[in-house]
Amino acid sequence: MLIQETHQDVETQIGGGHPLRIFLYHPTIPHHPHARFPGVLLFSEIYQVTGPVARFARQIAGQGYIVAAPSSFHEFVGPEALPYDTAGTDKGNEFKASKRLAAYDEDARLTLTHLLALPTCTGRVGATGMCLGGHLAYRAALDERVAAAVCYFATDMHSRTLGRNEEEAGGSGDDSLARAADVRGELVMIFGKNDNHVPPAGRDLIRKTLHEAGVLFSFYEVAWAQHAFIRDELSKGRYDPGISKVCFEMLLEVFGRTLKVDLGERVAEREKVEDVC
């Protein structure tokens, strides 16, 4: 499937009036200009929409999804990607901590609204992202319009340290896990066993909280994988193409089932599982 790439600048309010750039990756089918596709919100890591993030977007778009990837740090810098070096990492972490939690949510809301307004969007939308973007994809799923989210190594969920929350004492502490029961769609949470950004106790907390909140979710911890193992560049030596392929198949399965198929309204009653071999 062919892809057209464009971008749209959207005005913000909470984000200090700095426009939010949304990068769009749109599938096209020759001789079918009115073809309609489901949408996917793609949230980047702390380096904004880099080469690896754009390539990931193209992979998803090539499977028949309109992908919308917002630049997260428009309050501080332009839409250009930050480099994968020490200076870029320091800037990205500084921006991540300084940005208001409400501004992250506004970005997600504006991107989702823009995607749903496209005449070529079917109205079915999912979310995905990696690192910071994994957490933001989870928060996007707190919006009932998001039918499914695939979250790669979501950071800061276990520690409640995403952005500035002016509603909390001290100005920090996100409510992501506290709002787990608000998730109405399906989640896929993916981590590497060797991810020191989200240690074992943190992963256990996330899993336990989602389970107790009654969220429909899958949880994968991949042996040997480190943080950011799907980033297809080698500056930090973590990219694992074999594992990345397996995880991408998980993404295609859940999006294919929840976004491309009309499942009708979900019935909440629990399925009785027989205790037989």
Protein backbone atom coordinates (compact mmCIF):
# COMPACT_ATOMS: atom_id res chain seq x y z
CA MET A 1 0.00 0.00 0.00
CA LEU A 2 1.34 3.43 -0.94
CA ILE A 3 1.69 6.25 1.60
CA GLN A 4 1.29 10.02 1.43
CA GLU A 5 3.04 12.10 4.09
CA THR A 6 1.86 15.55 5.16
CA HIS A 7 1.62 17.58 8.35
CA GLN A 8 -0.87 19.88 10.00
CA ASP A 9 -0.24 22.61 12.59
CA VAL A 10 -3.03 22.87 15.18
CA GLU A 11 -3.50 25.69 17.67
CA THR A 12 -3.29 24.85 21.37
CA GLN A 13 -4.53 26.58 24.51
CA ILE A 14 -2.93 24.77 27.43
CA GLY A 15 0.29 24.45 25.46
CA GLY A 16 0.95 28.17 25.77
CA GLY A 17 -0.48 28.95 22.35
CA HIS A 18 2.40 27.22 20.55
CA PRO A 19 1.02 25.26 17.59
CA LEU A 20 1.11 21.48 17.72
CA ARG A 21 2.51 19.85 14.59
CA ILE A 22 0.82 16.57 13.66
CA PHE A 23 2.66 14.41 11.13
CA LEU A 24 0.24 12.38 8.98
CA TYR A 25 1.04 9.11 7.22
CA HIS A 26 -1.90 8.26 4.98
CA PRO A 27 -2.30 5.01 3.02
CA THR A 28 -3.49 5.32 -0.56
CA ILE A 29 -4.89 2.84 -3.05
CA PRO A 30 -4.61 3.73 -6.76
CA HIS A 31 -7.98 4.56 -8.41
CA HIS A 32 -9.72 4.65 -5.00
CA PRO A 33 -9.44 8.28 -3.82
CA HIS A 34 -12.36 7.90 -1.42
CA ALA A 35 -11.06 4.82 0.40
CA ARG A 36 -11.51 5.03 4.16
CA PHE A 37 -9.20 3.64 6.84
CA PRO A 38 -9.04 3.33 10.62
CA GLY A 39 -6.71 5.72 12.44
CA VAL A 40 -3.78 5.25 14.80
CA LEU A 41 -2.31 7.83 17.15
CA LEU A 42 1.46 7.36 17.37
CA PHE A 43 3.27 8.99 20.29
CA SER A 44 7.04 9.30 20.10
CA GLU A 45 9.82 8.89 22.62
CA ILE A 46 11.51 11.94 24.17
CA TYR A 47 13.28 12.76 20.87
CA GLN A 48 10.03 13.69 19.06
CA VAL A 49 9.31 12.26 15.59
CA THR A 50 12.69 10.85 14.63
CA GLY A 51 13.68 8.64 11.72
CA PRO A 52 12.87 5.42 13.63
CA VAL A 53 9.47 6.81 14.68
CA ALA A 54 8.66 7.86 11.10
CA ARG A 55 9.65 4.41 9.80
CA PHE A 56 7.44 2.79 12.43
CA ALA A 57 4.58 5.07 11.31
CA ARG A 58 5.09 4.01 7.69
CA GLN A 59 5.00 0.34 8.66
CA ILE A 60 1.61 0.85 10.33
CA ALA A 61 0.25 3.06 7.53
CA GLY A 62 1.29 0.46 4.97
CA GLN A 63 -1.08 -1.98 6.65
CA GLY A 64 -4.07 0.29 6.02
CA TYR A 65 -4.17 2.79 8.89
CA ILE A 66 -4.00 6.59 8.89
CA VAL A 67 -1.23 7.39 11.36
CA ALA A 68 -1.09 10.72 13.19
CA ALA A 69 2.10 11.46 15.12
CA PRO A 70 2.19 14.68 17.21
CA SER A 71 5.38 16.50 18.17
CA SER A 72 5.25 16.50 21.95
CA PHE A 73 7.48 19.41 22.89
CA HIS A 74 6.07 22.29 20.84
CA GLU A 75 6.07 24.49 23.99
CA PHE A 76 9.88 24.40 24.05
CA VAL A 77 11.25 23.73 20.54
CA GLY A 78 10.15 23.32 16.95
CA PRO A 79 8.85 20.05 15.47
CA GLU A 80 12.30 18.87 14.46
CA ALA A 81 13.61 15.67 16.04
CA LEU A 82 16.14 15.80 18.85
CA PRO A 83 19.37 13.87 18.25
CA TYR A 84 20.04 10.52 19.91
CA ASP A 85 23.03 11.87 21.83
CA THR A 86 23.70 13.10 25.36
CA ALA A 87 22.57 16.66 24.64
CA GLY A 88 19.38 15.47 22.92
CA THR A 89 18.63 13.04 25.75
CA ASP A 90 19.13 15.71 28.39
CA LYS A 91 16.85 18.14 26.53
CA GLY A 92 14.18 15.50 25.99
CA ASN A 93 14.14 14.50 29.66
CA GLU A 94 14.02 18.15 30.72
CA PHE A 95 11.09 18.87 28.40
CA LYS A 96 9.28 15.69 29.49
CA ALA A 97 9.42 16.71 33.14
CA SER A 98 8.62 20.39 32.51
CA LYS A 99 5.56 19.94 30.29
CA ARG A 100 2.19 20.15 32.04
CA LEU A 101 0.24 16.90 32.30
CA ALA A 102 -2.84 18.73 31.04
CA ALA A 103 -0.87 19.83 27.97
CA TYR A 104 0.04 16.23 27.15
CA ASP A 105 -3.67 15.38 27.34
CA GLU A 106 -4.59 18.36 25.18
CA ASP A 107 -2.13 17.22 22.50
CA ALA A 108 -3.69 13.75 22.48
CA ARG A 109 -7.20 15.17 22.36
CA LEU A 110 -6.39 17.56 19.49
CA THR A 111 -4.62 14.85 17.50
CA LEU A 112 -7.50 12.44 17.99
CA THR A 113 -10.07 15.06 17.02
CA HIS A 114 -8.09 15.99 13.90
CA LEU A 115 -7.80 12.34 12.90
CA LEU A 116 -11.51 11.66 13.37
CA ALA A 117 -12.39 14.76 11.31
CA LEU A 118 -10.64 13.40 8.22
CA PRO A 119 -13.22 12.27 5.64
CA THR A 120 -11.05 9.24 4.91
CA CYS A 121 -11.10 8.02 8.54
CA THR A 122 -13.66 5.35 9.42
CA GLY A 123 -14.03 6.68 12.97
CA ARG A 124 -12.26 3.71 14.57
CA VAL A 125 -9.01 4.75 16.25
CA GLY A 126 -6.23 3.08 18.23
CA ALA A 127 -3.06 4.37 19.82
CA THR A 128 0.53 3.24 20.14
CA GLY A 129 3.86 4.67 21.22
CA MET A 130 7.21 3.91 22.76
CA CYS A 131 8.93 5.07 25.97
CA LEU A 132 7.29 8.42 26.83
CA GLY A 133 4.96 7.65 23.93
CA GLY A 134 3.99 4.31 25.47
CA HIS A 135 2.71 6.19 28.52
CA LEU A 136 0.95 8.75 26.31
CA ALA A 137 -0.69 5.96 24.28
CA TYR A 138 -2.01 4.56 27.56
CA ARG A 139 -3.34 7.98 28.57
CA ALA A 140 -4.95 8.32 25.13
CA ALA A 141 -6.84 5.11 25.91
CA LEU A 142 -8.48 6.91 28.85
CA ASP A 143 -10.55 8.57 26.10
CA GLU A 144 -13.42 6.22 25.24
CA ARG A 145 -13.00 7.06 21.54
CA VAL A 146 -9.79 4.99 21.52
CA ALA A 147 -10.65 1.33 20.95
CA ALA A 148 -7.21 -0.16 21.64
CA ALA A 149 -3.69 0.85 22.60
CA VAL A 150 -0.36 -0.94 22.18
CA CYS A 151 2.12 0.53 24.66
CA TYR A 152 5.82 -0.19 24.20
CA PHE A 153 7.92 0.09 27.41
CA ALA A 154 5.79 2.88 28.87
CA THR A 155 7.90 4.96 31.27
CA ASP A 156 6.91 6.89 34.41
CA MET A 157 3.62 5.06 34.95
CA HIS A 158 4.88 3.11 37.95
CA SER A 159 6.56 6.16 39.49
CA ARG A 160 3.80 8.69 38.74
CA THR A 161 6.34 11.15 37.34
CA LEU A 162 4.95 12.24 33.96
CA GLY A 163 5.06 16.01 33.56
CA ARG A 164 3.86 18.75 35.92
CA ASN A 165 0.48 18.16 37.50
CA GLU A 166 -0.72 21.43 39.01
CA GLU A 167 -3.62 19.66 40.70
CA GLU A 168 -1.21 17.64 42.88
CA ALA A 169 0.59 18.94 45.94
CA GLY A 170 4.14 19.78 44.96
CA GLY A 171 3.19 20.08 41.27
CA SER A 172 4.11 16.52 40.26
CA GLY A 173 2.50 13.11 40.18
CA ASP A 174 0.37 11.86 37.30
CA ASP A 175 -2.91 9.98 37.74
CA SER A 176 -2.43 7.44 34.95
CA LEU A 177 -2.64 4.24 36.99
CA ALA A 178 -5.20 5.75 39.36
CA ARG A 179 -7.52 6.15 36.36
CA ALA A 180 -7.03 2.62 35.01
CA ALA A 181 -10.73 1.84 35.36
CA ASP A 182 -11.43 4.59 32.78
CA VAL A 183 -9.86 2.47 30.01
CA ARG A 184 -12.73 1.12 27.90
CA GLY A 185 -10.73 -0.39 25.07
CA GLU A 186 -8.13 -3.16 24.96
CA LEU A 187 -4.51 -2.69 26.01
CA VAL A 188 -1.29 -4.45 25.06
CA MET A 189 1.61 -3.63 27.39
CA ILE A 190 5.07 -4.63 26.14
CA PHE A 191 8.32 -4.45 28.13
CA GLY A 192 11.80 -5.92 27.96
CA LYS A 193 12.90 -8.03 30.92
CA ASN A 194 16.13 -6.01 31.01
CA ASP A 195 14.41 -2.61 30.91
CA ASN A 196 15.95 -0.62 33.77
CA HIS A 197 13.68 2.37 33.07
CA VAL A 198 10.73 0.31 34.31
CA PRO A 199 12.16 -2.15 36.86
CA PRO A 200 10.49 -5.47 37.76
CA ALA A 201 8.63 -3.99 40.73
CA GLY A 202 7.30 -1.22 38.49
CA ARG A 203 6.09 -3.68 35.87
CA ASP A 204 4.45 -5.76 38.59
CA LEU A 205 2.64 -2.66 39.86
CA ILE A 206 1.32 -1.83 36.40
CA ARG A 207 0.12 -5.38 35.80
CA LYS A 208 -1.51 -5.65 39.23
CA THR A 209 -3.26 -2.29 38.91
CA LEU A 210 -4.69 -3.07 35.47
CA HIS A 211 -5.88 -6.48 36.65
CA GLU A 212 -7.58 -5.12 39.74
CA ALA A 213 -9.24 -2.35 37.70
CA GLY A 214 -10.80 -4.92 35.39
CA VAL A 215 -8.99 -3.67 32.28
CA LEU A 216 -8.93 -5.95 29.23
CA PHE A 217 -5.20 -6.27 28.59
CA SER A 218 -2.29 -8.44 27.50
CA PHE A 219 1.09 -8.09 29.18
CA TYR A 220 4.37 -9.18 27.58
CA GLU A 221 7.87 -9.16 29.06
CA VAL A 222 10.43 -10.16 26.45
CA ALA A 223 13.51 -12.07 27.60
CA TRP A 224 16.85 -10.30 26.97
CA ALA A 225 15.20 -7.15 25.60
CA GLN A 226 16.30 -3.76 26.93
CA HIS A 227 14.54 -0.42 26.89
CA ALA A 228 13.78 0.97 23.40
CA PHE A 229 14.45 -2.36 21.67
CA ILE A 230 12.23 -1.43 18.67
CA ARG A 231 14.23 1.73 17.84
CA ASP A 232 15.90 0.79 14.55
CA GLU A 233 19.13 2.72 14.97
CA LEU A 234 22.27 1.50 16.66
CA SER A 235 23.58 4.42 18.73
CA LYS A 236 22.77 2.60 21.97
CA GLY A 237 23.00 -0.98 20.70
CA ARG A 238 19.53 -2.12 21.83
CA TYR A 239 17.65 -2.66 18.57
CA ASP A 240 16.40 -6.23 18.16
CA PRO A 241 14.68 -6.71 14.78
CA GLY A 242 13.51 -10.25 15.53
CA ILE A 243 11.67 -9.30 18.72
CA SER A 244 10.41 -6.09 17.09
CA LYS A 245 8.79 -8.16 14.34
CA VAL A 246 6.99 -10.38 16.87
CA CYS A 247 5.71 -7.33 18.76
CA PHE A 248 4.57 -5.68 15.53
CA GLU A 249 2.49 -8.78 14.79
CA MET A 250 0.84 -8.31 18.20
CA LEU A 251 0.01 -4.73 17.21
CA LEU A 252 -1.45 -5.83 13.87
CA GLU A 253 -3.55 -8.52 15.57
CA VAL A 254 -5.19 -6.25 18.12
CA PHE A 255 -5.67 -3.34 15.70
CA GLY A 256 -7.00 -5.64 12.99
CA ARG A 257 -9.53 -7.13 15.41
CA THR A 258 -10.60 -3.93 17.18
CA LEU A 259 -10.30 -1.28 14.45
CA LYS A 260 -10.96 -3.04 11.14
CA VAL A 261 -13.76 -5.33 12.32
CA ASP A 262 -17.09 -3.92 13.51
CA LEU A 263 -17.43 -5.75 16.82
CA GLY A 264 -20.60 -4.01 17.95
CA GLU A 265 -21.10 -2.94 21.55
CA ARG A 266 -19.01 -4.85 24.08
CA VAL A 267 -20.96 -6.97 26.59
CA ALA A 268 -19.40 -6.73 30.03
CA GLU A 269 -20.38 -10.13 31.42
CA ARG A 270 -17.47 -12.43 32.22
CA GLU A 271 -16.97 -15.55 30.16
CA LYS A 272 -17.19 -18.80 32.12
CA VAL A 273 -13.94 -20.72 31.70
CA GLU A 274 -14.24 -24.48 31.99
CA ASP A 275 -11.66 -26.29 34.12
CA VAL A 276 -10.85 -28.98 31.55
CA CYS A 277 -7.81 -29.93 29.49
